[in-house]
Amino acid sequence: MHQTRKGKQWYFGMKVHIGADVNSGEVHSAEVTAANEADTKVLPEVAAGAATQIWKPLFV
């Protein structure tokens, strides 16, 4: 776990990047990273070759 800042807000924790089939909803890959790691670093592992849609997650 790690902390990172976005604007003036601090976040502490981890992120989960999930690759899923759009039609069936079946999860085919998942990667867990520290909060400060860039999403683009894990995109190739999660995208699984035939990705046609990429959705950006929202902070909850």
N, C-alpha and C. Protein backbone atom coordinates (compact mmCIF):
# COMPACT_ATOMS: atom_id res chain seq x y z
N MET A 1 0.85 -1.18 0.00
CA MET A 1 0.00 0.00 0.00
C MET A 1 0.89 1.24 0.00
N HIS A 2 0.36 2.28 -0.59
CA HIS A 2 1.14 3.50 -0.71
C HIS A 2 0.19 4.69 -0.75
N GLN A 3 0.71 5.87 -0.49
CA GLN A 3 -0.13 7.06 -0.56
C GLN A 3 0.21 7.86 -1.80
N THR A 4 -0.76 8.57 -2.29
CA THR A 4 -0.57 9.44 -3.44
C THR A 4 -1.53 10.61 -3.33
N ARG A 5 -1.21 11.69 -4.03
CA ARG A 5 -2.04 12.89 -3.97
C ARG A 5 -2.59 13.19 -5.36
N LYS A 6 -3.86 13.51 -5.42
CA LYS A 6 -4.51 13.95 -6.65
C LYS A 6 -5.13 15.30 -6.34
N GLY A 7 -4.54 16.36 -6.89
CA GLY A 7 -4.97 17.71 -6.52
C GLY A 7 -4.54 17.98 -5.08
N LYS A 8 -5.48 18.37 -4.26
CA LYS A 8 -5.19 18.60 -2.84
C LYS A 8 -5.66 17.44 -1.96
N GLN A 9 -6.21 16.39 -2.57
CA GLN A 9 -6.74 15.24 -1.83
C GLN A 9 -5.70 14.12 -1.78
N TRP A 10 -5.47 13.56 -0.61
CA TRP A 10 -4.55 12.43 -0.44
C TRP A 10 -5.33 11.12 -0.43
N TYR A 11 -4.78 10.10 -1.07
CA TYR A 11 -5.36 8.76 -1.10
C TYR A 11 -4.32 7.78 -0.58
N PHE A 12 -4.75 6.82 0.20
CA PHE A 12 -3.86 5.79 0.73
C PHE A 12 -4.50 4.45 0.45
N GLY A 13 -3.77 3.58 -0.19
CA GLY A 13 -4.34 2.27 -0.43
C GLY A 13 -3.83 1.60 -1.69
N MET A 14 -4.72 0.81 -2.27
CA MET A 14 -4.37 0.00 -3.43
C MET A 14 -5.47 0.15 -4.48
N LYS A 15 -5.14 -0.27 -5.71
CA LYS A 15 -6.11 -0.26 -6.81
C LYS A 15 -6.18 -1.66 -7.39
N VAL A 16 -7.34 -2.02 -7.88
CA VAL A 16 -7.53 -3.29 -8.58
C VAL A 16 -7.90 -2.97 -10.02
N HIS A 17 -7.17 -3.55 -10.96
CA HIS A 17 -7.43 -3.39 -12.38
C HIS A 17 -8.00 -4.71 -12.88
N ILE A 18 -9.20 -4.68 -13.42
CA ILE A 18 -9.90 -5.91 -13.80
C ILE A 18 -10.18 -5.92 -15.30
N GLY A 19 -9.84 -7.03 -15.95
CA GLY A 19 -10.15 -7.24 -17.36
C GLY A 19 -11.32 -8.21 -17.44
N ALA A 20 -12.39 -7.83 -18.14
CA ALA A 20 -13.58 -8.67 -18.24
C ALA A 20 -14.13 -8.65 -19.66
N ASP A 21 -14.78 -9.73 -20.05
CA ASP A 21 -15.43 -9.83 -21.35
C ASP A 21 -16.69 -8.97 -21.32
N VAL A 22 -16.86 -8.10 -22.32
CA VAL A 22 -17.99 -7.18 -22.36
C VAL A 22 -19.31 -7.93 -22.51
N ASN A 23 -19.33 -8.98 -23.32
CA ASN A 23 -20.58 -9.70 -23.59
C ASN A 23 -21.02 -10.58 -22.43
N SER A 24 -20.10 -11.37 -21.87
CA SER A 24 -20.49 -12.31 -20.82
C SER A 24 -20.27 -11.76 -19.42
N GLY A 25 -19.41 -10.76 -19.27
CA GLY A 25 -19.09 -10.23 -17.95
C GLY A 25 -18.07 -11.07 -17.21
N GLU A 26 -17.55 -12.10 -17.85
CA GLU A 26 -16.58 -13.00 -17.22
C GLU A 26 -15.23 -12.29 -17.06
N VAL A 27 -14.68 -12.35 -15.85
CA VAL A 27 -13.38 -11.75 -15.56
C VAL A 27 -12.29 -12.67 -16.09
N HIS A 28 -11.36 -12.12 -16.89
CA HIS A 28 -10.28 -12.94 -17.43
C HIS A 28 -8.92 -12.58 -16.85
N SER A 29 -8.80 -11.40 -16.20
CA SER A 29 -7.53 -11.04 -15.58
C SER A 29 -7.76 -9.97 -14.52
N ALA A 30 -6.85 -9.92 -13.56
CA ALA A 30 -6.91 -8.91 -12.51
C ALA A 30 -5.50 -8.63 -12.02
N GLU A 31 -5.22 -7.38 -11.76
CA GLU A 31 -3.92 -6.96 -11.23
C GLU A 31 -4.17 -6.00 -10.07
N VAL A 32 -3.41 -6.13 -9.00
CA VAL A 32 -3.50 -5.24 -7.85
C VAL A 32 -2.21 -4.43 -7.80
N THR A 33 -2.34 -3.10 -7.67
CA THR A 33 -1.18 -2.22 -7.60
C THR A 33 -1.34 -1.25 -6.44
N ALA A 34 -0.23 -0.61 -6.09
CA ALA A 34 -0.26 0.44 -5.07
C ALA A 34 -1.00 1.64 -5.65
N ALA A 35 -1.51 2.50 -4.79
CA ALA A 35 -2.30 3.64 -5.22
C ALA A 35 -1.51 4.62 -6.08
N ASN A 36 -0.19 4.66 -5.92
CA ASN A 36 0.60 5.63 -6.66
C ASN A 36 1.12 5.11 -8.00
N GLU A 37 0.83 3.88 -8.36
CA GLU A 37 1.31 3.33 -9.63
C GLU A 37 0.38 3.72 -10.77
N ALA A 38 0.96 4.09 -11.90
CA ALA A 38 0.17 4.55 -13.06
C ALA A 38 -0.64 3.40 -13.65
N ASP A 39 -1.88 3.71 -14.03
CA ASP A 39 -2.77 2.71 -14.63
C ASP A 39 -2.21 2.17 -15.95
N THR A 40 -1.48 2.99 -16.68
CA THR A 40 -0.96 2.58 -17.97
C THR A 40 0.09 1.47 -17.87
N LYS A 41 0.69 1.29 -16.70
CA LYS A 41 1.69 0.23 -16.54
C LYS A 41 1.06 -1.16 -16.56
N VAL A 42 -0.16 -1.30 -16.08
CA VAL A 42 -0.80 -2.61 -16.02
C VAL A 42 -1.79 -2.85 -17.15
N LEU A 43 -2.03 -1.83 -17.96
CA LEU A 43 -2.99 -1.97 -19.06
C LEU A 43 -2.66 -3.13 -20.00
N PRO A 44 -1.42 -3.33 -20.43
CA PRO A 44 -1.14 -4.46 -21.33
C PRO A 44 -1.47 -5.83 -20.71
N GLU A 45 -1.25 -6.00 -19.42
CA GLU A 45 -1.54 -7.27 -18.77
C GLU A 45 -3.05 -7.52 -18.64
N VAL A 46 -3.80 -6.46 -18.41
CA VAL A 46 -5.24 -6.59 -18.17
C VAL A 46 -6.03 -6.60 -19.47
N ALA A 47 -5.53 -5.94 -20.51
CA ALA A 47 -6.29 -5.79 -21.76
C ALA A 47 -6.47 -7.10 -22.53
N ALA A 48 -5.63 -8.08 -22.34
CA ALA A 48 -5.76 -9.42 -22.95
C ALA A 48 -5.91 -9.41 -24.47
N GLY A 49 -5.10 -8.63 -25.15
CA GLY A 49 -5.00 -8.71 -26.60
C GLY A 49 -6.14 -8.17 -27.42
N ALA A 50 -7.37 -8.64 -27.21
CA ALA A 50 -8.49 -8.27 -28.07
C ALA A 50 -9.40 -7.23 -27.42
N ALA A 51 -8.85 -6.36 -26.60
CA ALA A 51 -9.68 -5.35 -25.93
C ALA A 51 -10.23 -4.35 -26.94
N THR A 52 -11.52 -4.09 -26.87
CA THR A 52 -12.15 -3.11 -27.75
C THR A 52 -12.70 -1.92 -26.98
N GLN A 53 -12.85 -2.06 -25.66
CA GLN A 53 -13.36 -0.97 -24.83
C GLN A 53 -12.50 -0.86 -23.57
N ILE A 54 -12.17 0.35 -23.19
CA ILE A 54 -11.44 0.58 -21.95
C ILE A 54 -12.20 1.64 -21.18
N TRP A 55 -12.58 1.30 -19.96
CA TRP A 55 -13.36 2.21 -19.11
C TRP A 55 -12.48 2.70 -18.00
N LYS A 56 -12.51 3.99 -17.75
CA LYS A 56 -11.75 4.57 -16.66
C LYS A 56 -12.55 4.47 -15.37
N PRO A 57 -11.93 3.96 -14.30
CA PRO A 57 -12.66 3.82 -13.03
C PRO A 57 -12.89 5.17 -12.37
N LEU A 58 -13.86 5.21 -11.51
CA LEU A 58 -14.16 6.39 -10.71
C LEU A 58 -13.74 6.16 -9.27
N PHE A 59 -13.28 7.18 -8.60
CA PHE A 59 -12.97 7.06 -7.19
C PHE A 59 -14.26 7.00 -6.41
N VAL A 60 -14.33 6.11 -5.44
CA VAL A 60 -15.53 5.95 -4.63
C VAL A 60 -15.33 6.62 -3.30
